[in-house]
Amino acid sequence: VERAFSVEADTELPDLTRVPGVVAVERAGYDELDATYFDVPGLPLLRAGVTLRRRSGGSDQGWHLKLAGDHPESRTELHEDLDHAGVPAALERLVTGWTRGRSLAPVARIRTHRQTDRLVGADGRVLAELADDRVEGLPAQLESEPVRWREWEVELVHGRPALLDDVEDYLADVGVRRCHTQRKIAVVLGQPELPDPEPATKK
């Protein structure tokens, strides 16, 4: 469960211990992430809120498939090892309802410089992680200039969902608002106005 916020290039991270329940902020480290996103003509995965990517860098590098969860801000994320030469068969099968036999191919590349901080509660548990992302994205099929932006992404770890609301309220007080588009791939390729139909049911 995560939420993204739009920030200017020179915005400094405010004192997040002012968020209710957060008693400490710990620096977790830096990562250079390089992700290639896959879809088929018409971008049905993007339209359905599904993400399929191959990402190097970070502790969870590999192939990732993100599917919509029960909550509007939640995702179910499945992983496969990075060493697969192409899209792993297990993940490809799960998106067949959208791809309908068409071959998956790269549609965008997104590189991210990420600084991560942990929001810690009174019991010492990590409530959430805040990723300070400086992002550069480029469509795979178009000759265009890269899209560059910065965002803060707050992802729950052991915290309650209400923590995201508390973080958003505090950030709003210091002039930081939620991103209009919550998915990096949608920033690069555009946010489809209408959802794609449900996956085809196998007969």
N, C-alpha and C. Protein backbone atom coordinates (compact mmCIF):
# COMPACT_ATOMS: atom_id res chain seq x y z
N VAL A 1 0.86 -1.17 0.00
CA VAL A 1 0.00 0.00 0.00
C VAL A 1 0.90 1.22 0.00
N GLU A 2 0.74 2.07 -0.99
CA GLU A 2 1.66 3.19 -1.13
C GLU A 2 0.94 4.41 -1.70
N ARG A 3 1.59 5.55 -1.56
CA ARG A 3 1.04 6.81 -2.05
C ARG A 3 2.21 7.69 -2.48
N ALA A 4 2.08 8.37 -3.63
CA ALA A 4 3.16 9.18 -4.17
C ALA A 4 2.80 10.66 -4.10
N PHE A 5 3.84 11.49 -3.86
CA PHE A 5 3.67 12.93 -3.70
C PHE A 5 4.64 13.66 -4.63
N SER A 6 4.16 14.75 -5.19
CA SER A 6 4.95 15.53 -6.14
C SER A 6 5.76 16.59 -5.41
N VAL A 7 7.06 16.67 -5.70
CA VAL A 7 7.93 17.65 -5.04
C VAL A 7 8.85 18.29 -6.06
N GLU A 8 9.26 19.52 -5.76
CA GLU A 8 10.21 20.23 -6.61
C GLU A 8 11.62 19.67 -6.40
N ALA A 9 12.50 19.98 -7.35
CA ALA A 9 13.85 19.41 -7.31
C ALA A 9 14.62 19.82 -6.06
N ASP A 10 14.34 21.01 -5.52
CA ASP A 10 15.12 21.50 -4.37
C ASP A 10 14.37 21.40 -3.04
N THR A 11 13.25 20.68 -3.03
CA THR A 11 12.48 20.55 -1.78
C THR A 11 13.23 19.68 -0.77
N GLU A 12 13.34 20.16 0.46
CA GLU A 12 13.99 19.40 1.51
C GLU A 12 12.98 18.55 2.26
N LEU A 13 13.42 17.38 2.69
CA LEU A 13 12.54 16.48 3.44
C LEU A 13 12.22 17.12 4.79
N PRO A 14 10.92 17.28 5.11
CA PRO A 14 10.56 17.91 6.38
C PRO A 14 10.73 16.93 7.55
N ASP A 15 10.47 17.42 8.75
CA ASP A 15 10.62 16.62 9.97
C ASP A 15 9.41 15.69 10.10
N LEU A 16 9.57 14.45 9.66
CA LEU A 16 8.45 13.51 9.64
C LEU A 16 8.12 12.94 11.02
N THR A 17 8.91 13.27 12.04
CA THR A 17 8.53 12.86 13.39
C THR A 17 7.33 13.67 13.89
N ARG A 18 6.93 14.66 13.13
CA ARG A 18 5.71 15.43 13.46
C ARG A 18 4.45 14.68 13.02
N VAL A 19 4.62 13.62 12.24
CA VAL A 19 3.48 12.78 11.85
C VAL A 19 3.08 11.93 13.05
N PRO A 20 1.81 11.87 13.43
CA PRO A 20 1.39 11.07 14.58
C PRO A 20 1.88 9.63 14.49
N GLY A 21 2.50 9.15 15.57
CA GLY A 21 2.97 7.77 15.63
C GLY A 21 4.40 7.57 15.19
N VAL A 22 4.99 8.55 14.50
CA VAL A 22 6.37 8.43 14.03
C VAL A 22 7.30 9.07 15.05
N VAL A 23 8.21 8.28 15.62
CA VAL A 23 9.12 8.81 16.64
C VAL A 23 10.54 8.98 16.13
N ALA A 24 10.87 8.38 14.99
CA ALA A 24 12.22 8.51 14.45
C ALA A 24 12.19 8.28 12.94
N VAL A 25 13.16 8.88 12.28
CA VAL A 25 13.36 8.69 10.84
C VAL A 25 14.79 8.23 10.64
N GLU A 26 14.95 7.06 10.02
CA GLU A 26 16.28 6.47 9.85
C GLU A 26 16.62 6.38 8.37
N ARG A 27 17.80 6.81 8.01
CA ARG A 27 18.27 6.70 6.63
C ARG A 27 18.57 5.23 6.31
N ALA A 28 17.96 4.73 5.24
CA ALA A 28 18.13 3.32 4.87
C ALA A 28 19.14 3.13 3.76
N GLY A 29 19.40 4.17 2.96
CA GLY A 29 20.40 4.01 1.91
C GLY A 29 19.96 4.59 0.58
N TYR A 30 20.78 4.32 -0.44
CA TYR A 30 20.56 4.85 -1.78
C TYR A 30 20.60 3.71 -2.78
N ASP A 31 19.82 3.86 -3.84
CA ASP A 31 19.81 2.85 -4.91
C ASP A 31 19.70 3.53 -6.26
N GLU A 32 20.30 2.89 -7.27
CA GLU A 32 20.13 3.29 -8.66
C GLU A 32 19.30 2.20 -9.33
N LEU A 33 18.08 2.52 -9.73
CA LEU A 33 17.14 1.56 -10.28
C LEU A 33 16.99 1.79 -11.79
N ASP A 34 16.98 0.71 -12.54
CA ASP A 34 16.85 0.78 -13.99
C ASP A 34 15.79 -0.24 -14.41
N ALA A 35 14.62 0.25 -14.84
CA ALA A 35 13.48 -0.63 -15.11
C ALA A 35 13.02 -0.51 -16.55
N THR A 36 12.75 -1.66 -17.15
CA THR A 36 12.12 -1.73 -18.48
C THR A 36 10.72 -2.28 -18.30
N TYR A 37 9.74 -1.58 -18.85
CA TYR A 37 8.33 -1.94 -18.70
C TYR A 37 7.83 -2.60 -19.99
N PHE A 38 6.95 -3.59 -19.81
CA PHE A 38 6.47 -4.39 -20.94
C PHE A 38 4.95 -4.29 -21.07
N ASP A 39 4.49 -4.32 -22.33
CA ASP A 39 3.07 -4.31 -22.62
C ASP A 39 2.91 -4.79 -24.06
N VAL A 40 1.70 -4.74 -24.58
CA VAL A 40 1.40 -5.10 -25.97
C VAL A 40 0.72 -3.91 -26.63
N PRO A 41 0.56 -3.92 -27.97
CA PRO A 41 -0.12 -2.80 -28.64
C PRO A 41 -1.47 -2.48 -28.01
N GLY A 42 -1.72 -1.18 -27.87
CA GLY A 42 -2.94 -0.74 -27.21
C GLY A 42 -2.80 -0.54 -25.72
N LEU A 43 -1.67 -1.00 -25.16
CA LEU A 43 -1.34 -0.83 -23.74
C LEU A 43 -2.44 -1.32 -22.79
N PRO A 44 -2.94 -2.54 -22.98
CA PRO A 44 -4.00 -3.03 -22.10
C PRO A 44 -3.55 -3.19 -20.65
N LEU A 45 -2.28 -3.51 -20.42
CA LEU A 45 -1.82 -3.64 -19.03
C LEU A 45 -1.87 -2.29 -18.33
N LEU A 46 -1.36 -1.27 -19.01
CA LEU A 46 -1.41 0.06 -18.43
C LEU A 46 -2.83 0.49 -18.15
N ARG A 47 -3.73 0.22 -19.08
CA ARG A 47 -5.13 0.62 -18.91
C ARG A 47 -5.81 -0.11 -17.75
N ALA A 48 -5.36 -1.33 -17.49
CA ALA A 48 -5.97 -2.13 -16.43
C ALA A 48 -5.30 -1.92 -15.08
N GLY A 49 -4.30 -1.05 -15.02
CA GLY A 49 -3.60 -0.83 -13.76
C GLY A 49 -2.61 -1.92 -13.42
N VAL A 50 -2.17 -2.68 -14.43
CA VAL A 50 -1.22 -3.78 -14.25
C VAL A 50 0.16 -3.31 -14.68
N THR A 51 1.18 -3.65 -13.91
CA THR A 51 2.56 -3.29 -14.24
C THR A 51 3.40 -4.55 -14.37
N LEU A 52 4.12 -4.65 -15.49
CA LEU A 52 5.07 -5.75 -15.70
C LEU A 52 6.39 -5.12 -16.09
N ARG A 53 7.42 -5.38 -15.28
CA ARG A 53 8.71 -4.73 -15.53
C ARG A 53 9.87 -5.64 -15.14
N ARG A 54 11.02 -5.33 -15.69
CA ARG A 54 12.28 -5.94 -15.31
C ARG A 54 13.15 -4.84 -14.74
N ARG A 55 13.54 -4.96 -13.47
CA ARG A 55 14.28 -3.87 -12.83
C ARG A 55 15.56 -4.38 -12.19
N SER A 56 16.64 -3.69 -12.47
CA SER A 56 17.92 -3.97 -11.81
C SER A 56 18.18 -2.88 -10.78
N GLY A 57 18.94 -3.25 -9.74
CA GLY A 57 19.23 -2.33 -8.66
C GLY A 57 18.23 -2.48 -7.52
N GLY A 58 18.68 -2.21 -6.31
CA GLY A 58 17.81 -2.31 -5.15
C GLY A 58 17.76 -3.72 -4.60
N SER A 59 17.19 -3.84 -3.41
CA SER A 59 17.15 -5.14 -2.74
C SER A 59 16.17 -6.10 -3.37
N ASP A 60 15.21 -5.59 -4.14
CA ASP A 60 14.20 -6.47 -4.75
C ASP A 60 14.31 -6.50 -6.26
N GLN A 61 15.54 -6.37 -6.80
CA GLN A 61 15.68 -6.38 -8.24
C GLN A 61 15.18 -7.70 -8.82
N GLY A 62 14.68 -7.63 -10.04
CA GLY A 62 14.13 -8.81 -10.69
C GLY A 62 12.96 -8.42 -11.57
N TRP A 63 12.18 -9.42 -11.95
CA TRP A 63 10.95 -9.21 -12.69
C TRP A 63 9.81 -8.99 -11.69
N HIS A 64 9.00 -7.96 -11.92
CA HIS A 64 7.90 -7.63 -11.02
C HIS A 64 6.60 -7.57 -11.81
N LEU A 65 5.58 -8.19 -11.28
CA LEU A 65 4.22 -8.05 -11.81
C LEU A 65 3.36 -7.49 -10.69
N LYS A 66 2.78 -6.30 -10.94
CA LYS A 66 1.93 -5.66 -9.95
C LYS A 66 0.48 -5.70 -10.44
N LEU A 67 -0.38 -6.23 -9.59
CA LEU A 67 -1.80 -6.34 -9.89
C LEU A 67 -2.58 -5.53 -8.86
N ALA A 68 -3.72 -5.00 -9.27
CA ALA A 68 -4.54 -4.20 -8.37
C ALA A 68 -4.98 -5.03 -7.18
N GLY A 69 -4.94 -4.44 -5.97
CA GLY A 69 -5.36 -5.14 -4.77
C GLY A 69 -6.79 -4.81 -4.39
N ASP A 70 -7.17 -5.19 -3.17
CA ASP A 70 -8.53 -4.95 -2.70
C ASP A 70 -8.81 -3.49 -2.41
N HIS A 71 -7.76 -2.75 -2.04
CA HIS A 71 -7.87 -1.32 -1.73
C HIS A 71 -7.37 -0.53 -2.92
N PRO A 72 -7.94 0.65 -3.21
CA PRO A 72 -7.51 1.43 -4.38
C PRO A 72 -6.01 1.73 -4.40
N GLU A 73 -5.38 1.81 -3.21
CA GLU A 73 -3.95 2.13 -3.16
C GLU A 73 -3.08 0.90 -2.92
N SER A 74 -3.67 -0.27 -2.90
CA SER A 74 -2.90 -1.48 -2.64
C SER A 74 -2.59 -2.22 -3.94
N ARG A 75 -1.49 -2.96 -3.93
CA ARG A 75 -1.08 -3.78 -5.07
C ARG A 75 -0.64 -5.15 -4.56
N THR A 76 -0.92 -6.16 -5.34
CA THR A 76 -0.33 -7.48 -5.12
C THR A 76 0.86 -7.58 -6.04
N GLU A 77 2.05 -7.83 -5.49
CA GLU A 77 3.27 -7.82 -6.28
C GLU A 77 3.90 -9.21 -6.29
N LEU A 78 4.18 -9.71 -7.47
CA LEU A 78 4.81 -11.01 -7.68
C LEU A 78 6.19 -10.81 -8.27
N HIS A 79 7.15 -11.63 -7.84
CA HIS A 79 8.54 -11.48 -8.26
C HIS A 79 9.06 -12.75 -8.93
N GLU A 80 9.96 -12.56 -9.89
CA GLU A 80 10.76 -13.64 -10.46
C GLU A 80 12.20 -13.15 -10.54
N ASP A 81 13.15 -14.07 -10.60
CA ASP A 81 14.56 -13.71 -10.61
C ASP A 81 14.93 -12.89 -11.83
N LEU A 82 15.99 -12.08 -11.67
CA LEU A 82 16.45 -11.20 -12.73
C LEU A 82 17.07 -11.95 -13.90
N ASP A 83 17.55 -13.17 -13.66
CA ASP A 83 18.33 -13.86 -14.67
C ASP A 83 17.50 -14.46 -15.80
N HIS A 84 16.18 -14.30 -15.79
CA HIS A 84 15.37 -14.73 -16.93
C HIS A 84 15.70 -13.87 -18.14
N ALA A 85 15.97 -14.51 -19.27
CA ALA A 85 16.33 -13.76 -20.48
C ALA A 85 15.16 -12.96 -21.02
N GLY A 86 13.96 -13.52 -20.95
CA GLY A 86 12.75 -12.84 -21.39
C GLY A 86 11.73 -12.82 -20.28
N VAL A 87 10.52 -12.39 -20.62
CA VAL A 87 9.46 -12.35 -19.61
C VAL A 87 9.26 -13.75 -19.05
N PRO A 88 9.35 -13.95 -17.74
CA PRO A 88 9.16 -15.28 -17.16
C PRO A 88 7.79 -15.84 -17.51
N ALA A 89 7.78 -17.13 -17.86
CA ALA A 89 6.53 -17.77 -18.30
C ALA A 89 5.44 -17.67 -17.25
N ALA A 90 5.82 -17.77 -15.96
CA ALA A 90 4.83 -17.73 -14.89
C ALA A 90 4.11 -16.39 -14.86
N LEU A 91 4.84 -15.30 -15.11
CA LEU A 91 4.22 -13.97 -15.12
C LEU A 91 3.46 -13.74 -16.42
N GLU A 92 4.01 -14.24 -17.52
CA GLU A 92 3.34 -14.06 -18.82
C GLU A 92 1.97 -14.72 -18.82
N ARG A 93 1.88 -15.90 -18.18
CA ARG A 93 0.59 -16.59 -18.12
C ARG A 93 -0.45 -15.77 -17.36
N LEU A 94 -0.01 -15.04 -16.33
CA LEU A 94 -0.95 -14.30 -15.50
C LEU A 94 -1.54 -13.08 -16.20
N VAL A 95 -0.92 -12.64 -17.28
CA VAL A 95 -1.45 -11.48 -18.00
C VAL A 95 -2.06 -11.86 -19.35
N THR A 96 -2.23 -13.14 -19.58
CA THR A 96 -2.78 -13.61 -20.86
C THR A 96 -4.17 -13.03 -21.14
N GLY A 97 -4.96 -12.83 -20.08
CA GLY A 97 -6.29 -12.28 -20.28
C GLY A 97 -6.27 -10.89 -20.90
N TRP A 98 -5.19 -10.16 -20.68
CA TRP A 98 -5.07 -8.83 -21.28
C TRP A 98 -4.31 -8.87 -22.61
N THR A 99 -3.26 -9.69 -22.67
CA THR A 99 -2.44 -9.71 -23.89
C THR A 99 -3.10 -10.50 -25.02
N ARG A 100 -3.88 -11.53 -24.67
CA ARG A 100 -4.65 -12.33 -25.64
C ARG A 100 -3.77 -12.85 -26.78
N GLY A 101 -2.62 -13.39 -26.38
CA GLY A 101 -1.74 -14.04 -27.35
C GLY A 101 -0.75 -13.13 -28.03
N ARG A 102 -0.85 -11.83 -27.84
CA ARG A 102 0.10 -10.92 -28.46
C ARG A 102 1.42 -10.91 -27.69
N SER A 103 2.50 -10.66 -28.39
CA SER A 103 3.83 -10.74 -27.79
C SER A 103 4.12 -9.49 -26.96
N LEU A 104 4.57 -9.71 -25.74
CA LEU A 104 4.98 -8.61 -24.89
C LEU A 104 6.29 -8.01 -25.38
N ALA A 105 6.41 -6.69 -25.30
CA ALA A 105 7.61 -6.01 -25.75
C ALA A 105 7.84 -4.78 -24.87
N PRO A 106 9.09 -4.28 -24.82
CA PRO A 106 9.35 -3.08 -24.02
C PRO A 106 8.56 -1.88 -24.53
N VAL A 107 7.99 -1.13 -23.60
CA VAL A 107 7.26 0.09 -23.97
C VAL A 107 7.86 1.33 -23.32
N ALA A 108 8.68 1.17 -22.30
CA ALA A 108 9.30 2.32 -21.65
C ALA A 108 10.47 1.86 -20.80
N ARG A 109 11.40 2.79 -20.58
CA ARG A 109 12.51 2.57 -19.67
C ARG A 109 12.52 3.70 -18.65
N ILE A 110 12.61 3.36 -17.38
CA ILE A 110 12.58 4.36 -16.33
C ILE A 110 13.77 4.13 -15.39
N ARG A 111 14.56 5.18 -15.23
CA ARG A 111 15.70 5.12 -14.32
C ARG A 111 15.41 6.01 -13.11
N THR A 112 15.75 5.50 -11.93
CA THR A 112 15.42 6.21 -10.70
C THR A 112 16.61 6.23 -9.76
N HIS A 113 16.97 7.43 -9.30
CA HIS A 113 17.92 7.55 -8.19
C HIS A 113 17.08 7.66 -6.92
N ARG A 114 17.21 6.72 -6.01
CA ARG A 114 16.32 6.61 -4.85
C ARG A 114 17.09 6.73 -3.54
N GLN A 115 16.61 7.63 -2.69
CA GLN A 115 17.07 7.71 -1.30
C GLN A 115 15.91 7.25 -0.42
N THR A 116 16.16 6.28 0.46
CA THR A 116 15.08 5.71 1.27
C THR A 116 15.29 6.02 2.74
N ASP A 117 14.20 6.45 3.39
CA ASP A 117 14.18 6.67 4.83
C ASP A 117 13.08 5.82 5.44
N ARG A 118 13.34 5.32 6.65
CA ARG A 118 12.35 4.51 7.37
C ARG A 118 11.67 5.36 8.44
N LEU A 119 10.33 5.27 8.49
CA LEU A 119 9.57 5.94 9.53
C LEU A 119 9.32 4.92 10.64
N VAL A 120 9.84 5.19 11.82
CA VAL A 120 9.86 4.21 12.93
C VAL A 120 8.87 4.62 14.01
N GLY A 121 8.13 3.63 14.54
CA GLY A 121 7.17 3.88 15.60
C GLY A 121 7.77 3.71 16.98
N ALA A 122 6.95 3.94 18.00
CA ALA A 122 7.42 3.90 19.39
C ALA A 122 7.91 2.53 19.80
N ASP A 123 7.39 1.47 19.18
CA ASP A 123 7.81 0.11 19.54
C ASP A 123 9.03 -0.35 18.74
N GLY A 124 9.61 0.56 17.96
CA GLY A 124 10.80 0.23 17.19
C GLY A 124 10.53 -0.38 15.82
N ARG A 125 9.28 -0.66 15.52
CA ARG A 125 8.96 -1.23 14.22
C ARG A 125 8.93 -0.16 13.13
N VAL A 126 9.28 -0.58 11.93
CA VAL A 126 9.22 0.33 10.78
C VAL A 126 7.76 0.43 10.33
N LEU A 127 7.21 1.62 10.42
CA LEU A 127 5.82 1.84 10.03
C LEU A 127 5.68 1.97 8.51
N ALA A 128 6.65 2.65 7.91
CA ALA A 128 6.58 2.90 6.47
C ALA A 128 7.97 3.28 5.99
N GLU A 129 8.14 3.23 4.68
CA GLU A 129 9.37 3.72 4.06
C GLU A 129 9.02 4.86 3.12
N LEU A 130 9.84 5.89 3.14
CA LEU A 130 9.69 7.00 2.21
C LEU A 130 10.83 6.97 1.22
N ALA A 131 10.50 6.81 -0.05
CA ALA A 131 11.50 6.81 -1.11
C ALA A 131 11.48 8.18 -1.79
N ASP A 132 12.62 8.84 -1.76
CA ASP A 132 12.80 10.12 -2.44
C ASP A 132 13.37 9.79 -3.82
N ASP A 133 12.51 9.84 -4.83
CA ASP A 133 12.86 9.38 -6.18
C ASP A 133 13.09 10.55 -7.13
N ARG A 134 14.24 10.53 -7.79
CA ARG A 134 14.51 11.43 -8.92
C ARG A 134 14.51 10.56 -10.16
N VAL A 135 13.56 10.83 -11.04
CA VAL A 135 13.17 9.88 -12.08
C VAL A 135 13.41 10.44 -13.47
N GLU A 136 13.84 9.56 -14.37
CA GLU A 136 13.95 9.88 -15.79
C GLU A 136 13.31 8.74 -16.58
N GLY A 137 12.32 9.05 -17.41
CA GLY A 137 11.61 8.03 -18.17
C GLY A 137 11.57 8.35 -19.65
N LEU A 138 11.57 7.30 -20.47
CA LEU A 138 11.56 7.47 -21.92
C LEU A 138 10.75 6.36 -22.57
N PRO A 139 9.76 6.72 -23.40
CA PRO A 139 9.03 5.68 -24.15
C PRO A 139 9.97 4.91 -25.06
N ALA A 140 9.69 3.62 -25.23
CA ALA A 140 10.58 2.77 -26.04
C ALA A 140 10.35 2.96 -27.53
N GLN A 141 9.14 3.30 -27.94
CA GLN A 141 8.79 3.31 -29.36
C GLN A 141 8.76 4.69 -29.98
N LEU A 142 9.02 5.74 -29.20
CA LEU A 142 8.91 7.09 -29.72
C LEU A 142 10.24 7.83 -29.59
N GLU A 143 10.52 8.70 -30.57
CA GLU A 143 11.68 9.57 -30.48
C GLU A 143 11.24 10.84 -29.74
N SER A 144 11.61 10.95 -28.49
CA SER A 144 11.18 12.08 -27.70
C SER A 144 12.20 12.35 -26.61
N GLU A 145 12.08 13.52 -25.99
CA GLU A 145 12.96 13.87 -24.89
C GLU A 145 12.54 13.11 -23.63
N PRO A 146 13.49 12.75 -22.78
CA PRO A 146 13.12 12.07 -21.53
C PRO A 146 12.21 12.94 -20.67
N VAL A 147 11.35 12.29 -19.93
CA VAL A 147 10.52 12.96 -18.94
C VAL A 147 11.25 12.87 -17.60
N ARG A 148 11.44 13.99 -16.93
CA ARG A 148 12.16 14.00 -15.66
C ARG A 148 11.28 14.62 -14.58
N TRP A 149 11.28 14.00 -13.43
CA TRP A 149 10.52 14.55 -12.31
C TRP A 149 11.04 13.97 -11.00
N ARG A 150 10.53 14.52 -9.90
CA ARG A 150 10.89 14.04 -8.56
C ARG A 150 9.60 13.75 -7.80
N GLU A 151 9.60 12.68 -7.03
CA GLU A 151 8.44 12.34 -6.22
C GLU A 151 8.88 11.67 -4.94
N TRP A 152 8.03 11.76 -3.92
CA TRP A 152 8.20 11.00 -2.69
C TRP A 152 7.15 9.91 -2.68
N GLU A 153 7.58 8.68 -2.48
CA GLU A 153 6.66 7.54 -2.45
C GLU A 153 6.70 6.94 -1.04
N VAL A 154 5.56 6.94 -0.38
CA VAL A 154 5.46 6.41 0.98
C VAL A 154 4.75 5.07 0.91
N GLU A 155 5.43 4.02 1.35
CA GLU A 155 4.89 2.65 1.30
C GLU A 155 4.79 2.09 2.72
N LEU A 156 3.62 1.58 3.06
CA LEU A 156 3.42 1.00 4.39
C LEU A 156 4.26 -0.26 4.56
N VAL A 157 4.79 -0.43 5.76
CA VAL A 157 5.48 -1.67 6.14
C VAL A 157 4.65 -2.33 7.25
N HIS A 158 4.72 -1.79 8.46
CA HIS A 158 3.90 -2.30 9.56
C HIS A 158 2.88 -1.28 10.04
N GLY A 159 2.82 -0.14 9.40
CA GLY A 159 1.91 0.90 9.82
C GLY A 159 0.48 0.66 9.38
N ARG A 160 -0.45 1.35 10.04
CA ARG A 160 -1.87 1.28 9.67
C ARG A 160 -2.12 2.10 8.41
N PRO A 161 -3.13 1.73 7.63
CA PRO A 161 -3.45 2.52 6.43
C PRO A 161 -3.69 3.99 6.73
N ALA A 162 -4.22 4.29 7.93
CA ALA A 162 -4.48 5.68 8.29
C ALA A 162 -3.19 6.50 8.35
N LEU A 163 -2.04 5.83 8.49
CA LEU A 163 -0.77 6.56 8.52
C LEU A 163 -0.56 7.35 7.24
N LEU A 164 -0.98 6.80 6.11
CA LEU A 164 -0.82 7.51 4.84
C LEU A 164 -1.61 8.81 4.85
N ASP A 165 -2.80 8.79 5.45
CA ASP A 165 -3.58 10.02 5.56
C ASP A 165 -2.87 11.04 6.46
N ASP A 166 -2.28 10.55 7.56
CA ASP A 166 -1.55 11.45 8.46
C ASP A 166 -0.34 12.06 7.77
N VAL A 167 0.37 11.24 6.99
CA VAL A 167 1.52 11.74 6.24
C VAL A 167 1.06 12.78 5.21
N GLU A 168 -0.02 12.47 4.50
CA GLU A 168 -0.52 13.41 3.49
C GLU A 168 -0.94 14.73 4.11
N ASP A 169 -1.62 14.68 5.26
CA ASP A 169 -2.05 15.90 5.93
C ASP A 169 -0.84 16.75 6.34
N TYR A 170 0.19 16.08 6.87
CA TYR A 170 1.38 16.82 7.30
C TYR A 170 2.11 17.42 6.10
N LEU A 171 2.27 16.62 5.03
CA LEU A 171 2.97 17.14 3.85
C LEU A 171 2.20 18.29 3.22
N ALA A 172 0.87 18.23 3.25
CA ALA A 172 0.07 19.34 2.71
C ALA A 172 0.35 20.62 3.48
N ASP A 173 0.57 20.49 4.79
CA ASP A 173 0.86 21.67 5.61
C ASP A 173 2.18 22.33 5.22
N VAL A 174 3.10 21.55 4.65
CA VAL A 174 4.39 22.12 4.23
C VAL A 174 4.45 22.31 2.71
N GLY A 175 3.28 22.22 2.05
CA GLY A 175 3.20 22.56 0.63
C GLY A 175 3.43 21.43 -0.34
N VAL A 176 3.39 20.18 0.11
CA VAL A 176 3.61 19.03 -0.76
C VAL A 176 2.28 18.30 -0.97
N ARG A 177 1.93 18.08 -2.24
CA ARG A 177 0.64 17.48 -2.57
C ARG A 177 0.81 16.10 -3.20
N ARG A 178 -0.26 15.33 -3.15
CA ARG A 178 -0.25 14.01 -3.78
C ARG A 178 -0.08 14.13 -5.29
N CYS A 179 0.66 13.20 -5.90
CA CYS A 179 0.82 13.19 -7.36
C CYS A 179 -0.53 12.97 -8.04
N HIS A 180 -0.75 13.70 -9.11
CA HIS A 180 -1.96 13.49 -9.89
C HIS A 180 -1.97 12.08 -10.48
N THR A 181 -0.81 11.62 -10.92
CA THR A 181 -0.65 10.27 -11.46
C THR A 181 0.21 9.47 -10.50
N GLN A 182 -0.30 8.33 -10.03
CA GLN A 182 0.37 7.57 -8.98
C GLN A 182 1.32 6.51 -9.51
N ARG A 183 1.37 6.31 -10.82
CA ARG A 183 2.24 5.27 -11.40
C ARG A 183 3.26 5.91 -12.33
N LYS A 184 4.53 5.58 -12.14
CA LYS A 184 5.58 6.17 -12.95
C LYS A 184 5.38 5.89 -14.44
N ILE A 185 4.96 4.67 -14.78
CA ILE A 185 4.78 4.30 -16.18
C ILE A 185 3.70 5.17 -16.83
N ALA A 186 2.69 5.56 -16.06
CA ALA A 186 1.63 6.42 -16.60
C ALA A 186 2.12 7.84 -16.82
N VAL A 187 3.11 8.28 -16.03
CA VAL A 187 3.70 9.60 -16.26
C VAL A 187 4.43 9.61 -17.61
N VAL A 188 5.13 8.53 -17.90
CA VAL A 188 5.94 8.46 -19.13
C VAL A 188 5.07 8.25 -20.37
N LEU A 189 4.10 7.35 -20.28
CA LEU A 189 3.31 6.99 -21.46
C LEU A 189 1.96 7.70 -21.52
N GLY A 190 1.57 8.37 -20.43
CA GLY A 190 0.27 9.00 -20.39
C GLY A 190 -0.74 8.12 -19.67
N GLN A 191 -1.68 8.76 -19.01
CA GLN A 191 -2.69 8.04 -18.25
C GLN A 191 -3.93 7.84 -19.12
N PRO A 192 -4.26 6.58 -19.49
CA PRO A 192 -5.46 6.36 -20.29
C PRO A 192 -6.70 6.88 -19.58
N GLU A 193 -7.62 7.46 -20.34
CA GLU A 193 -8.81 8.04 -19.74
C GLU A 193 -9.82 6.98 -19.33
N LEU A 194 -9.88 5.87 -20.05
CA LEU A 194 -10.87 4.85 -19.77
C LEU A 194 -10.19 3.54 -19.42
N PRO A 195 -10.72 2.78 -18.47
CA PRO A 195 -10.14 1.48 -18.13
C PRO A 195 -10.35 0.49 -19.25
N ASP A 196 -9.44 -0.46 -19.35
CA ASP A 196 -9.58 -1.52 -20.33
C ASP A 196 -10.63 -2.51 -19.83
N PRO A 197 -11.31 -3.22 -20.72
CA PRO A 197 -12.25 -4.24 -20.28
C PRO A 197 -11.58 -5.29 -19.42
N GLU A 198 -12.38 -6.04 -18.65
CA GLU A 198 -11.85 -7.11 -17.82
C GLU A 198 -11.17 -8.16 -18.70
N PRO A 199 -10.20 -8.89 -18.14
CA PRO A 199 -9.53 -9.92 -18.93
C PRO A 199 -10.53 -10.94 -19.51
N ALA A 200 -10.20 -11.42 -20.68
CA ALA A 200 -11.07 -12.41 -21.31
C ALA A 200 -11.09 -13.68 -20.48
N THR A 201 -12.25 -14.27 -20.34
CA THR A 201 -12.40 -15.53 -19.61
C THR A 201 -12.13 -16.69 -20.52
N LYS A 202 -11.24 -17.57 -20.07
CA LYS A 202 -10.95 -18.75 -20.88
C LYS A 202 -12.14 -19.67 -20.95
N LYS A 203 -12.42 -20.19 -22.14
CA LYS A 203 -13.51 -21.13 -22.32
C LYS A 203 -13.00 -22.56 -22.28
